Amino acid sequence: MIKIGFIDYYLDQWHANNYPEIIKECSDKYEVCCAYGTAASPITDGTNAEWSEKYGIPLVDTIEEVIEKSDCLVVLAPNNPELHENLCRLPLASGKPVYVDKTFAPDVATAKRIFDHARKHNTPVWSASALAFSDELKAFNKENISFVRTVSGGKYETHIIHQIEPVIVLMDEKPKRVMYTGTNEIGALAMEFSGGRIAQLMSADTQNTFNICYKDCSVVTQPVESPFFKNFVQAMLDFFDTKVPPVSEKQTLAVIAVMEVLGKAKENPFTWVEI
C-alpha cells in the first residue's frame, strides 16, 4: 500500500473530509496513513483529534512525522494560501512528491519561492483547480476562441480560481489585465488576453457552465456534468506514481498572478488592472 500523508492548517474542512474516500474510489493501492493539523477549525470548532476519530486516520504530532511515515504528501489549507510557504518548507525538502491544494500561494513572489525551494531539493510539486480536470474542458476546440463566459459557485475571493484556471487553459496564456464587473452580492471578473480576446467570469450559486464563442461567431454552451473532482484526484494519484506534474509551473504562476490582483480589482470596479 502506498501511503499518503496530510499536512493542514485545520483538518475539519471539505477537502480533508472528502479526499480520503475519493482516493479509495480511484485506487485500492493508496491510503491516507496519517495527518497533521496546526489548529482547530475556526469555522466549525472541530478539533484535529475529533477529525481523526471520525475518519479513522491517525493524527501525528509533527510535520516531520508525516513525512517519515508517508510515501507522498498533500499540503492542504485550501482557504489559507498565506500559510502554504511555511507548511511546504519541510515537505518540499523531502524529495517525496507533493501536491499543494489550491490556492497555491497568495502572490506570485511567494509562488516562485515555493517552486524554487522544491527545485533545490529535487521535489516534484504541483497545484491546480479541480475544475481544470473536467472532461468538458478537455473536449473543447481551443483554436480561434474569441470570447469565453464562465459561471461557478463559491466566494469570489477564494473560489473564482475554479473559473480562472480553466479559462487560462482555454486561452493558453496569462491574461494582460483584469476588471471587476460585479456587485456587492455577485462577484464577476473580466479578463483580457492577447488579440483582444475576452473572458467574463461570474460567481453565482448555479451549475458550473462554459460558454465558448469562436471567431466565426459559433457558440458552444456546456454545463459541467463530468466527475471533475474524481478526475482531479486520479490525476493526483497518477502524479504520485510518475512524479510528473500534470500542470506546469507556468500555468500555476499565471493563475496566481490573477488571484493576486482580485482584491485590487474589486476595490476599483470597472477599471482595468494590469497584471
Foldseek 3Di string as FASTA:
>chain_A
DAEEEEEEQAQPDDCNLPLQVLLVVQDPVYGHAEYEHNAHDPVPSHHNVNVCVVVVHHYDDDPVVRLVVHQAYEYEHAVCQCCQLVSCQVVLLSQHEYEYEPPNHLALVSLVVSVVSNVVNNYQYDYAALLLQFPVLVPDDLPQWAEKEKEEADDPLRPLSSVLLSVCVSPVAFFFWKAWADDPVKTKMWTAHPPRGIYIYIYDPDFIWMWTAGPVRDIDIDTGDGPSNSSVSSQVVVCSVVVDHPDDSRSSSSSSNVSNCSVVNVVPHPDIDGD
